N, C-alpha and C. Protein backbone atom coordinates (compact mmCIF):
# COMPACT_ATOMS: atom_id res chain seq x y z
N UNK A 1 0.82 -1.12 0.03
CA UNK A 1 -0.07 -0.04 -0.06
C UNK A 1 0.87 1.27 -0.02
N UNK A 2 0.55 2.14 -0.77
CA UNK A 2 1.30 3.51 -0.98
C UNK A 2 1.34 4.13 0.36
N UNK A 3 2.59 4.73 0.61
CA UNK A 3 2.61 5.54 1.75
C UNK A 3 2.16 6.94 1.70
N UNK A 4 2.00 7.44 0.52
CA UNK A 4 1.41 8.70 0.22
C UNK A 4 0.62 8.77 -0.97
N UNK A 5 -0.44 9.42 -0.99
CA UNK A 5 -1.42 9.58 -2.14
C UNK A 5 -1.09 10.76 -2.87
N UNK A 6 -1.34 10.70 -4.14
CA UNK A 6 -1.09 12.03 -4.95
C UNK A 6 -1.93 13.09 -4.38
N UNK A 7 -1.59 14.35 -4.54
CA UNK A 7 -2.60 15.36 -4.12
C UNK A 7 -3.86 15.23 -4.79
N UNK A 8 -4.89 15.59 -3.95
CA UNK A 8 -6.27 15.48 -4.52
C UNK A 8 -6.56 16.51 -5.49
N UNK A 9 -6.87 16.30 -6.68
CA UNK A 9 -7.01 17.36 -7.71
C UNK A 9 -8.00 18.53 -7.30
N UNK A 10 -8.99 18.21 -6.51
CA UNK A 10 -9.85 19.25 -5.96
C UNK A 10 -9.31 20.16 -4.92
N UNK A 11 -8.18 19.80 -4.37
CA UNK A 11 -7.56 20.70 -3.40
C UNK A 11 -6.18 21.08 -3.78
N UNK A 12 -5.66 20.91 -5.02
CA UNK A 12 -4.37 21.24 -5.36
C UNK A 12 -4.14 22.73 -5.21
N UNK A 13 -2.89 23.20 -5.02
CA UNK A 13 -2.58 24.62 -5.04
C UNK A 13 -2.48 24.97 -6.42
N UNK A 14 -2.46 26.27 -6.77
CA UNK A 14 -2.36 26.76 -8.15
C UNK A 14 -1.04 26.23 -8.78
N UNK A 15 0.10 26.20 -8.01
CA UNK A 15 1.35 25.68 -8.61
C UNK A 15 1.25 24.17 -8.77
N UNK A 16 0.69 23.46 -7.83
CA UNK A 16 0.47 21.96 -8.20
C UNK A 16 -0.32 21.72 -9.41
N UNK A 17 -1.38 22.54 -9.53
CA UNK A 17 -2.23 22.37 -10.85
C UNK A 17 -1.46 22.74 -12.05
N UNK A 18 -0.72 23.73 -11.91
CA UNK A 18 0.12 24.24 -13.15
C UNK A 18 1.00 23.12 -13.52
N UNK A 19 1.87 22.55 -12.63
CA UNK A 19 2.76 21.45 -12.91
C UNK A 19 2.02 20.14 -13.30
N UNK A 20 1.01 19.87 -12.59
CA UNK A 20 0.11 18.75 -13.03
C UNK A 20 -0.32 18.83 -14.59
N UNK A 21 -0.84 20.01 -14.88
CA UNK A 21 -1.38 20.16 -16.19
C UNK A 21 -0.28 20.11 -17.33
N UNK A 22 0.94 20.59 -16.81
CA UNK A 22 2.08 20.74 -17.89
C UNK A 22 2.57 19.23 -18.05
N UNK A 23 2.51 18.42 -17.03
CA UNK A 23 2.98 17.04 -17.23
C UNK A 23 1.91 16.34 -18.07
N UNK A 24 0.62 16.36 -17.64
CA UNK A 24 -0.49 15.64 -18.26
C UNK A 24 -0.56 16.03 -19.81
N UNK A 25 -0.22 17.31 -20.15
CA UNK A 25 -0.41 17.68 -21.56
C UNK A 25 0.82 17.37 -22.37
N UNK A 26 1.82 16.87 -21.67
CA UNK A 26 3.08 16.47 -22.55
C UNK A 26 3.01 15.02 -23.09
N UNK A 27 4.20 14.48 -23.57
CA UNK A 27 4.25 13.17 -24.02
C UNK A 27 3.76 12.10 -23.11
N UNK A 28 3.82 12.14 -21.83
CA UNK A 28 3.30 11.24 -20.83
C UNK A 28 1.86 10.99 -20.85
N UNK A 29 1.11 12.10 -21.02
CA UNK A 29 -0.20 12.11 -21.11
C UNK A 29 -1.08 12.00 -19.71
N UNK A 30 -0.35 11.77 -18.76
CA UNK A 30 -0.95 11.57 -17.41
C UNK A 30 0.03 11.79 -16.37
N UNK A 31 -0.38 11.89 -15.19
CA UNK A 31 0.59 12.17 -14.03
C UNK A 31 0.31 10.88 -13.17
N UNK A 32 1.31 10.07 -12.94
CA UNK A 32 1.14 8.94 -12.01
C UNK A 32 2.53 8.55 -11.44
N UNK A 33 2.54 7.58 -10.56
CA UNK A 33 3.79 7.08 -10.06
C UNK A 33 4.58 8.20 -9.34
N UNK A 34 5.88 8.16 -9.53
CA UNK A 34 6.78 9.08 -8.75
C UNK A 34 6.45 10.60 -9.06
N UNK A 35 5.92 10.87 -10.26
CA UNK A 35 5.59 12.33 -10.60
C UNK A 35 4.41 12.77 -9.81
N UNK A 36 3.48 11.84 -9.52
CA UNK A 36 2.33 12.17 -8.62
C UNK A 36 2.85 12.37 -7.24
N UNK A 37 3.73 11.57 -6.78
CA UNK A 37 4.29 11.84 -5.35
C UNK A 37 4.97 13.13 -5.32
N UNK A 38 5.75 13.46 -6.35
CA UNK A 38 6.50 14.77 -6.30
C UNK A 38 5.58 16.00 -6.40
N UNK A 39 4.37 15.85 -6.89
CA UNK A 39 3.59 16.91 -6.81
C UNK A 39 3.23 17.53 -5.44
N UNK A 40 3.52 16.79 -4.45
CA UNK A 40 3.47 17.45 -3.02
C UNK A 40 4.53 18.57 -2.91
N UNK A 41 5.43 18.49 -3.59
CA UNK A 41 6.50 19.60 -3.78
C UNK A 41 6.63 19.91 -5.27
N UNK A 42 5.67 20.82 -5.72
CA UNK A 42 5.53 21.06 -7.07
C UNK A 42 6.88 21.57 -7.81
N UNK A 43 7.76 22.24 -7.03
CA UNK A 43 9.05 22.72 -7.63
C UNK A 43 9.85 21.40 -7.98
N UNK A 44 9.81 20.42 -7.16
CA UNK A 44 10.59 19.24 -7.41
C UNK A 44 9.96 18.55 -8.62
N UNK A 45 8.62 18.43 -8.58
CA UNK A 45 7.99 17.79 -9.67
C UNK A 45 8.25 18.45 -11.05
N UNK A 46 8.30 19.80 -11.03
CA UNK A 46 8.52 20.49 -12.35
C UNK A 46 9.92 20.33 -12.83
N UNK A 47 10.91 20.30 -11.87
CA UNK A 47 12.21 20.11 -12.27
C UNK A 47 12.57 18.73 -12.65
N UNK A 48 11.98 17.82 -11.91
CA UNK A 48 12.25 16.38 -12.30
C UNK A 48 11.68 15.96 -13.52
N UNK A 49 10.34 16.44 -13.83
CA UNK A 49 9.70 16.06 -15.03
C UNK A 49 10.47 16.71 -16.28
N UNK A 50 11.07 17.89 -16.10
CA UNK A 50 11.88 18.40 -17.26
C UNK A 50 12.99 17.55 -17.59
N UNK A 51 13.77 17.05 -16.47
CA UNK A 51 14.86 16.21 -16.74
C UNK A 51 14.42 14.84 -17.25
N UNK A 52 13.25 14.36 -16.72
CA UNK A 52 12.69 13.07 -17.17
C UNK A 52 12.30 13.06 -18.62
N UNK A 53 11.75 14.14 -19.01
CA UNK A 53 11.27 14.37 -20.40
C UNK A 53 12.51 14.21 -21.37
N UNK A 54 13.61 14.94 -20.96
CA UNK A 54 14.84 14.82 -21.69
C UNK A 54 15.41 13.30 -21.81
N UNK A 55 15.54 12.70 -20.55
CA UNK A 55 16.09 11.46 -20.50
C UNK A 55 15.22 10.37 -21.22
N UNK A 56 13.91 10.58 -21.21
CA UNK A 56 13.13 9.68 -21.83
C UNK A 56 12.95 9.84 -23.38
N UNK A 57 12.89 11.04 -23.87
CA UNK A 57 12.57 11.36 -25.22
C UNK A 57 13.54 11.96 -26.08
N UNK A 58 14.62 12.51 -25.44
CA UNK A 58 15.55 13.41 -26.36
C UNK A 58 17.00 13.04 -26.20
N UNK A 59 17.31 11.90 -25.65
CA UNK A 59 18.76 11.72 -25.62
C UNK A 59 19.29 11.15 -26.99
N UNK A 60 20.56 10.94 -27.09
CA UNK A 60 21.20 10.27 -28.17
C UNK A 60 20.98 8.78 -28.28
N UNK A 61 20.59 8.26 -27.18
CA UNK A 61 20.30 6.70 -27.14
C UNK A 61 18.97 6.44 -27.80
N UNK A 62 18.96 5.51 -28.64
CA UNK A 62 17.75 5.08 -29.23
C UNK A 62 16.88 4.35 -28.12
N UNK A 63 15.54 4.40 -28.20
CA UNK A 63 14.66 3.95 -27.19
C UNK A 63 14.89 2.51 -26.70
N UNK A 64 15.41 1.62 -27.54
CA UNK A 64 15.67 0.29 -27.31
C UNK A 64 16.77 0.24 -26.18
N UNK A 65 17.89 1.18 -26.23
CA UNK A 65 18.83 1.23 -25.30
C UNK A 65 18.49 1.93 -24.02
N UNK A 66 17.73 2.91 -24.16
CA UNK A 66 17.31 3.68 -22.91
C UNK A 66 16.38 2.73 -22.12
N UNK A 67 15.48 2.01 -22.79
CA UNK A 67 14.52 1.12 -22.04
C UNK A 67 15.35 -0.06 -21.47
N UNK A 68 16.47 -0.48 -22.12
CA UNK A 68 17.28 -1.54 -21.41
C UNK A 68 17.92 -1.01 -20.17
N UNK A 69 18.39 0.15 -20.23
CA UNK A 69 19.00 0.74 -19.03
C UNK A 69 17.85 0.95 -18.02
N UNK A 70 16.62 1.37 -18.33
CA UNK A 70 15.61 1.66 -17.32
C UNK A 70 15.18 0.29 -16.72
N UNK A 71 15.04 -0.74 -17.54
CA UNK A 71 14.63 -2.01 -17.01
C UNK A 71 15.68 -2.59 -16.07
N UNK A 72 16.88 -2.47 -16.53
CA UNK A 72 18.13 -2.97 -15.59
C UNK A 72 18.06 -2.21 -14.29
N UNK A 73 17.79 -1.05 -14.37
CA UNK A 73 17.73 -0.27 -13.03
C UNK A 73 16.52 -0.75 -12.24
N UNK A 74 15.38 -0.79 -12.85
CA UNK A 74 14.18 -1.34 -12.19
C UNK A 74 14.43 -2.65 -11.50
N UNK A 75 15.13 -3.54 -12.21
CA UNK A 75 15.54 -4.75 -11.52
C UNK A 75 16.47 -4.65 -10.33
N UNK A 76 17.43 -3.94 -10.56
CA UNK A 76 18.46 -3.75 -9.44
C UNK A 76 17.71 -3.13 -8.28
N UNK A 77 16.94 -2.16 -8.42
CA UNK A 77 16.18 -1.48 -7.29
C UNK A 77 14.98 -2.20 -6.77
N UNK A 78 14.55 -3.26 -7.61
CA UNK A 78 13.32 -3.99 -7.19
C UNK A 78 12.12 -3.09 -7.34
N UNK A 79 12.07 -2.29 -8.34
CA UNK A 79 11.01 -1.21 -8.51
C UNK A 79 9.73 -1.78 -9.43
N UNK A 80 8.84 -2.43 -8.82
CA UNK A 80 7.73 -2.88 -9.50
C UNK A 80 7.03 -2.00 -10.49
N UNK A 81 6.79 -0.70 -9.97
CA UNK A 81 6.11 0.27 -10.74
C UNK A 81 6.94 0.49 -12.11
N UNK A 82 8.16 0.71 -11.91
CA UNK A 82 9.01 1.07 -13.05
C UNK A 82 9.07 -0.12 -13.95
N UNK A 83 9.12 -1.30 -13.56
CA UNK A 83 9.18 -2.54 -14.33
C UNK A 83 7.79 -2.63 -15.09
N UNK A 84 6.76 -2.40 -14.32
CA UNK A 84 5.41 -2.57 -14.89
C UNK A 84 5.32 -1.45 -16.05
N UNK A 85 5.77 -0.30 -15.76
CA UNK A 85 5.62 0.92 -16.78
C UNK A 85 6.47 0.68 -17.95
N UNK A 86 7.73 0.13 -17.85
CA UNK A 86 8.70 0.14 -18.85
C UNK A 86 8.81 -1.16 -19.71
N UNK A 87 8.46 -2.23 -19.08
CA UNK A 87 8.56 -3.67 -19.85
C UNK A 87 7.89 -3.60 -21.19
N UNK A 88 6.61 -3.17 -21.32
CA UNK A 88 6.02 -3.20 -22.70
C UNK A 88 6.72 -2.21 -23.51
N UNK A 89 7.12 -1.09 -23.01
CA UNK A 89 7.78 -0.09 -23.90
C UNK A 89 9.16 -0.66 -24.40
N UNK A 90 9.77 -1.38 -23.51
CA UNK A 90 11.13 -2.01 -23.99
C UNK A 90 10.91 -2.99 -24.99
N UNK A 91 9.88 -3.82 -24.80
CA UNK A 91 9.60 -4.84 -25.84
C UNK A 91 9.29 -4.31 -27.27
N UNK A 92 8.42 -3.17 -27.14
CA UNK A 92 8.01 -2.53 -28.32
C UNK A 92 9.21 -1.85 -28.99
N UNK A 93 10.12 -1.39 -28.23
CA UNK A 93 11.37 -0.67 -28.67
C UNK A 93 12.45 -1.66 -29.33
N UNK A 94 12.13 -2.93 -29.21
CA UNK A 94 12.95 -3.94 -29.89
C UNK A 94 13.78 -4.81 -28.90
N UNK A 95 13.59 -4.69 -27.64
CA UNK A 95 14.33 -5.66 -26.73
C UNK A 95 13.74 -6.97 -26.88
N UNK A 96 14.48 -8.03 -26.81
CA UNK A 96 13.97 -9.39 -27.00
C UNK A 96 13.25 -9.95 -25.70
N UNK A 97 12.30 -10.68 -25.83
CA UNK A 97 11.60 -11.24 -24.69
C UNK A 97 12.71 -12.01 -23.76
N UNK A 98 13.55 -12.71 -24.31
CA UNK A 98 14.58 -13.46 -23.62
C UNK A 98 15.47 -12.59 -22.79
N UNK A 99 15.82 -11.41 -23.32
CA UNK A 99 16.69 -10.58 -22.56
C UNK A 99 15.92 -9.88 -21.38
N UNK A 100 14.70 -9.41 -21.71
CA UNK A 100 13.91 -8.94 -20.64
C UNK A 100 13.67 -9.87 -19.55
N UNK A 101 13.36 -11.14 -19.92
CA UNK A 101 13.09 -12.14 -18.90
C UNK A 101 14.25 -12.55 -18.11
N UNK A 102 15.44 -12.52 -18.76
CA UNK A 102 16.74 -12.81 -17.95
C UNK A 102 17.01 -11.70 -17.00
N UNK A 103 16.86 -10.46 -17.47
CA UNK A 103 17.09 -9.38 -16.57
C UNK A 103 16.16 -9.47 -15.39
N UNK A 104 14.78 -9.80 -15.63
CA UNK A 104 13.88 -9.92 -14.54
C UNK A 104 14.28 -10.94 -13.52
N UNK A 105 14.85 -12.02 -13.94
CA UNK A 105 15.16 -13.08 -12.99
C UNK A 105 16.54 -13.03 -12.55
N UNK A 106 17.21 -11.72 -12.76
CA UNK A 106 18.54 -11.55 -12.20
C UNK A 106 19.66 -12.45 -12.85
N UNK A 107 19.34 -12.91 -14.07
CA UNK A 107 20.24 -13.73 -14.86
C UNK A 107 21.24 -12.77 -15.67
N UNK A 108 22.21 -13.54 -16.37
CA UNK A 108 23.07 -12.66 -17.15
C UNK A 108 22.67 -12.86 -18.69
N UNK A 109 21.96 -11.82 -19.26
CA UNK A 109 21.54 -11.83 -20.55
C UNK A 109 22.55 -12.17 -21.64
N UNK A 110 22.13 -12.87 -22.69
CA UNK A 110 23.00 -13.02 -23.75
C UNK A 110 22.54 -12.04 -24.87
N UNK A 111 23.43 -11.09 -25.21
CA UNK A 111 23.14 -10.09 -26.19
C UNK A 111 23.67 -10.33 -27.57
N UNK A 112 22.79 -10.06 -28.57
CA UNK A 112 23.16 -10.31 -29.93
C UNK A 112 23.81 -8.96 -30.42
N UNK A 113 23.61 -7.82 -29.81
CA UNK A 113 24.07 -6.61 -30.19
C UNK A 113 25.09 -6.03 -29.14
N UNK A 114 26.30 -5.46 -29.65
CA UNK A 114 27.24 -4.93 -28.74
C UNK A 114 26.73 -3.70 -27.95
N UNK A 115 25.83 -2.83 -28.60
CA UNK A 115 25.42 -1.75 -27.90
C UNK A 115 24.51 -2.09 -26.72
N UNK A 116 23.69 -3.16 -26.74
CA UNK A 116 22.93 -3.61 -25.71
C UNK A 116 23.73 -4.18 -24.53
N UNK A 117 24.82 -4.97 -25.00
CA UNK A 117 25.72 -5.51 -23.98
C UNK A 117 26.49 -4.47 -23.23
N UNK A 118 26.76 -3.42 -23.83
CA UNK A 118 27.66 -2.42 -23.08
C UNK A 118 26.67 -1.53 -22.28
N UNK A 119 25.46 -1.31 -22.73
CA UNK A 119 24.60 -0.49 -21.89
C UNK A 119 24.17 -1.26 -20.67
N UNK A 120 24.09 -2.56 -20.72
CA UNK A 120 23.56 -3.46 -19.64
C UNK A 120 24.85 -3.44 -18.68
N UNK A 121 25.96 -3.81 -19.20
CA UNK A 121 27.17 -3.88 -18.31
C UNK A 121 27.41 -2.56 -17.56
N UNK A 122 27.35 -1.38 -18.34
CA UNK A 122 27.58 -0.06 -17.73
C UNK A 122 26.59 0.18 -16.67
N UNK A 123 25.26 -0.08 -16.98
CA UNK A 123 24.26 0.24 -16.02
C UNK A 123 24.41 -0.66 -14.75
N UNK A 124 24.71 -1.90 -14.86
CA UNK A 124 24.97 -2.63 -13.72
C UNK A 124 26.10 -2.17 -12.77
N UNK A 125 27.20 -1.83 -13.49
CA UNK A 125 28.40 -1.39 -12.88
C UNK A 125 28.01 -0.12 -12.02
N UNK A 126 27.41 0.84 -12.69
CA UNK A 126 27.03 2.13 -12.01
C UNK A 126 26.21 1.85 -10.83
N UNK A 127 25.22 0.95 -10.91
CA UNK A 127 24.25 0.83 -9.79
C UNK A 127 24.72 -0.23 -8.76
N UNK A 128 25.71 -1.02 -9.04
CA UNK A 128 26.10 -2.02 -8.06
C UNK A 128 27.46 -1.70 -7.51
N UNK A 129 28.35 -1.17 -8.36
CA UNK A 129 29.67 -0.85 -7.90
C UNK A 129 29.78 0.69 -7.56
N UNK A 130 28.82 1.41 -8.13
CA UNK A 130 28.81 2.84 -7.95
C UNK A 130 29.82 3.76 -8.69
N UNK A 131 30.42 2.86 -9.70
CA UNK A 131 31.42 3.50 -10.61
C UNK A 131 31.67 2.60 -11.83
N UNK A 132 32.40 3.03 -12.81
CA UNK A 132 32.77 2.25 -13.93
C UNK A 132 34.33 2.30 -14.07
N UNK A 133 34.83 1.13 -14.44
CA UNK A 133 36.31 1.06 -14.61
C UNK A 133 36.73 1.80 -15.80
N UNK A 134 38.01 2.17 -16.08
CA UNK A 134 38.55 2.87 -17.12
C UNK A 134 38.18 2.04 -18.39
N UNK A 135 38.52 0.71 -18.35
CA UNK A 135 38.23 -0.17 -19.47
C UNK A 135 36.72 -0.13 -19.81
N UNK A 136 35.74 -0.22 -18.99
CA UNK A 136 34.40 -0.20 -19.17
C UNK A 136 33.99 1.08 -19.80
N UNK A 137 34.53 2.22 -19.22
CA UNK A 137 34.20 3.51 -19.84
C UNK A 137 34.69 3.63 -21.26
N UNK A 138 35.96 3.18 -21.57
CA UNK A 138 36.49 3.32 -22.90
C UNK A 138 35.62 2.53 -23.90
N UNK A 139 35.21 1.25 -23.44
CA UNK A 139 34.49 0.41 -24.34
C UNK A 139 33.11 1.06 -24.56
N UNK A 140 32.53 1.58 -23.57
CA UNK A 140 31.17 2.33 -23.86
C UNK A 140 31.31 3.53 -24.82
N UNK A 141 32.41 4.35 -24.69
CA UNK A 141 32.58 5.35 -25.62
C UNK A 141 32.89 4.92 -26.91
N UNK A 142 33.58 3.79 -27.04
CA UNK A 142 33.86 3.15 -28.35
C UNK A 142 32.69 2.76 -29.08
N UNK A 143 31.67 2.14 -28.33
CA UNK A 143 30.42 1.56 -28.94
C UNK A 143 29.32 2.70 -29.03
N UNK A 144 29.20 3.51 -27.99
CA UNK A 144 28.10 4.42 -28.06
C UNK A 144 28.46 5.87 -28.47
N UNK A 145 29.73 6.26 -28.21
CA UNK A 145 30.17 7.58 -28.48
C UNK A 145 30.12 8.41 -27.11
N UNK A 146 31.08 9.34 -27.03
CA UNK A 146 31.20 10.12 -25.73
C UNK A 146 29.80 10.78 -25.35
N UNK A 147 29.32 11.46 -26.29
CA UNK A 147 28.05 12.23 -25.91
C UNK A 147 26.97 11.35 -25.48
N UNK A 148 26.79 10.12 -26.11
CA UNK A 148 25.78 9.16 -25.76
C UNK A 148 25.99 8.64 -24.35
N UNK A 149 27.42 8.43 -23.96
CA UNK A 149 27.70 7.94 -22.65
C UNK A 149 27.38 9.08 -21.58
N UNK A 150 27.40 10.33 -21.93
CA UNK A 150 26.95 11.45 -21.01
C UNK A 150 25.40 11.27 -20.90
N UNK A 151 24.70 11.04 -21.88
CA UNK A 151 23.26 10.83 -21.87
C UNK A 151 22.90 9.59 -21.10
N UNK A 152 23.72 8.50 -21.22
CA UNK A 152 23.46 7.42 -20.49
C UNK A 152 23.60 7.63 -18.96
N UNK A 153 24.63 8.27 -18.61
CA UNK A 153 24.77 8.70 -17.20
C UNK A 153 23.70 9.48 -16.65
N UNK A 154 23.09 10.33 -17.47
CA UNK A 154 21.90 11.16 -17.04
C UNK A 154 20.68 10.23 -16.83
N UNK A 155 20.52 9.38 -17.75
CA UNK A 155 19.32 8.34 -17.67
C UNK A 155 19.46 7.56 -16.44
N UNK A 156 20.63 7.06 -16.05
CA UNK A 156 21.01 6.24 -15.01
C UNK A 156 20.72 6.98 -13.67
N UNK A 157 21.03 8.20 -13.65
CA UNK A 157 20.84 8.96 -12.42
C UNK A 157 19.43 9.36 -12.23
N UNK A 158 18.72 9.70 -13.36
CA UNK A 158 17.19 10.07 -13.35
C UNK A 158 16.45 8.92 -12.81
N UNK A 159 16.68 7.72 -13.42
CA UNK A 159 15.91 6.57 -13.12
C UNK A 159 16.31 5.93 -11.67
N UNK A 160 17.44 6.26 -11.26
CA UNK A 160 17.76 5.88 -9.80
C UNK A 160 16.84 6.75 -8.84
N UNK A 161 16.65 7.95 -9.24
CA UNK A 161 15.78 8.91 -8.51
C UNK A 161 14.41 8.33 -8.50
N UNK A 162 13.91 8.00 -9.78
CA UNK A 162 12.56 7.47 -9.95
C UNK A 162 12.45 6.21 -9.03
N UNK A 163 13.32 5.24 -9.13
CA UNK A 163 13.31 3.97 -8.38
C UNK A 163 13.32 4.24 -6.90
N UNK A 164 14.14 5.11 -6.45
CA UNK A 164 14.27 5.43 -5.02
C UNK A 164 12.93 6.00 -4.53
N UNK A 165 12.36 6.90 -5.28
CA UNK A 165 11.07 7.50 -4.92
C UNK A 165 9.94 6.46 -4.86
N UNK A 166 9.86 5.53 -5.84
CA UNK A 166 8.94 4.48 -5.79
C UNK A 166 9.09 3.61 -4.68
N UNK A 167 10.40 3.27 -4.21
CA UNK A 167 10.59 2.44 -3.09
C UNK A 167 10.32 3.12 -1.76
N UNK A 168 10.81 4.40 -1.55
CA UNK A 168 10.54 5.11 -0.45
C UNK A 168 9.03 5.27 -0.18
N UNK A 169 8.30 5.62 -1.11
CA UNK A 169 6.84 5.85 -0.81
C UNK A 169 6.03 4.62 -1.26
N UNK A 170 6.59 3.46 -1.53
CA UNK A 170 5.90 2.27 -1.90
C UNK A 170 4.75 2.48 -2.90
N UNK A 171 5.10 3.03 -4.02
CA UNK A 171 4.22 3.41 -5.14
C UNK A 171 3.71 2.15 -5.69
N UNK A 172 2.45 2.03 -5.78
CA UNK A 172 1.73 0.87 -6.19
C UNK A 172 1.64 0.79 -7.84
N UNK A 173 1.68 -0.34 -8.34
CA UNK A 173 1.35 -0.51 -9.69
C UNK A 173 -0.11 -0.15 -9.93
N UNK A 174 -0.44 0.61 -10.96
CA UNK A 174 -1.83 1.14 -11.06
C UNK A 174 -2.85 -0.03 -11.40
N UNK A 175 -2.35 -1.07 -12.04
CA UNK A 175 -3.26 -2.21 -12.34
C UNK A 175 -3.29 -3.27 -11.33
N UNK A 176 -4.15 -3.39 -10.52
CA UNK A 176 -4.24 -4.28 -9.29
C UNK A 176 -4.13 -5.73 -9.78
N UNK A 177 -4.40 -6.04 -11.08
CA UNK A 177 -4.26 -7.43 -11.54
C UNK A 177 -3.02 -7.65 -12.17
N UNK A 178 -2.06 -6.70 -12.29
CA UNK A 178 -0.78 -6.99 -12.88
C UNK A 178 0.10 -7.91 -11.93
N UNK A 179 0.79 -8.85 -12.59
CA UNK A 179 1.55 -9.75 -11.75
C UNK A 179 2.77 -9.00 -11.09
N UNK A 180 3.05 -9.31 -9.97
CA UNK A 180 4.29 -8.69 -9.33
C UNK A 180 5.44 -9.54 -9.76
N UNK A 181 6.11 -9.07 -10.84
CA UNK A 181 7.07 -9.77 -11.54
C UNK A 181 8.57 -9.72 -10.90
N UNK A 182 8.84 -8.71 -10.16
CA UNK A 182 10.23 -8.62 -9.63
C UNK A 182 10.38 -9.29 -8.22
N UNK A 183 9.33 -9.63 -7.63
CA UNK A 183 9.33 -10.17 -6.27
C UNK A 183 9.95 -11.55 -6.21
């Protein structure tokens, strides 16, 4: 059960309503999950959603790679909401069912593409070791390019914030019939 409910639309402050409407009218189409929690502090919600919009829609990484990083983070953090939200997006973006299932079960995926292998390895290193080795960094730059590695680091930081918020506030998956896949 969630520890905090989103602000009631009937009692939102003018600033909460402004940020809510800006998020809802953007590419996300609605306000839920951590963004809804952040509305309790509309300044945080506004800043975070701007960063999230960039990380989700405007980086140099193609969606397949962004979604791979997001699903890997969701698995590491045990973030059910994030897994629920991004698994179908990742599959639609071109991730294989086998890779997604192996990540879900904490296995070691076999990747057919070098860019997927490096994004997964880089993401795991950042979130489990809290750093990347010189060798891993050089390989990531070689495969993705330096600017894309900067974007990847931004995605990893943003989705760590997302996962942390989900876990701190025990944000529920909106669909009560959805399986709890990460447990």
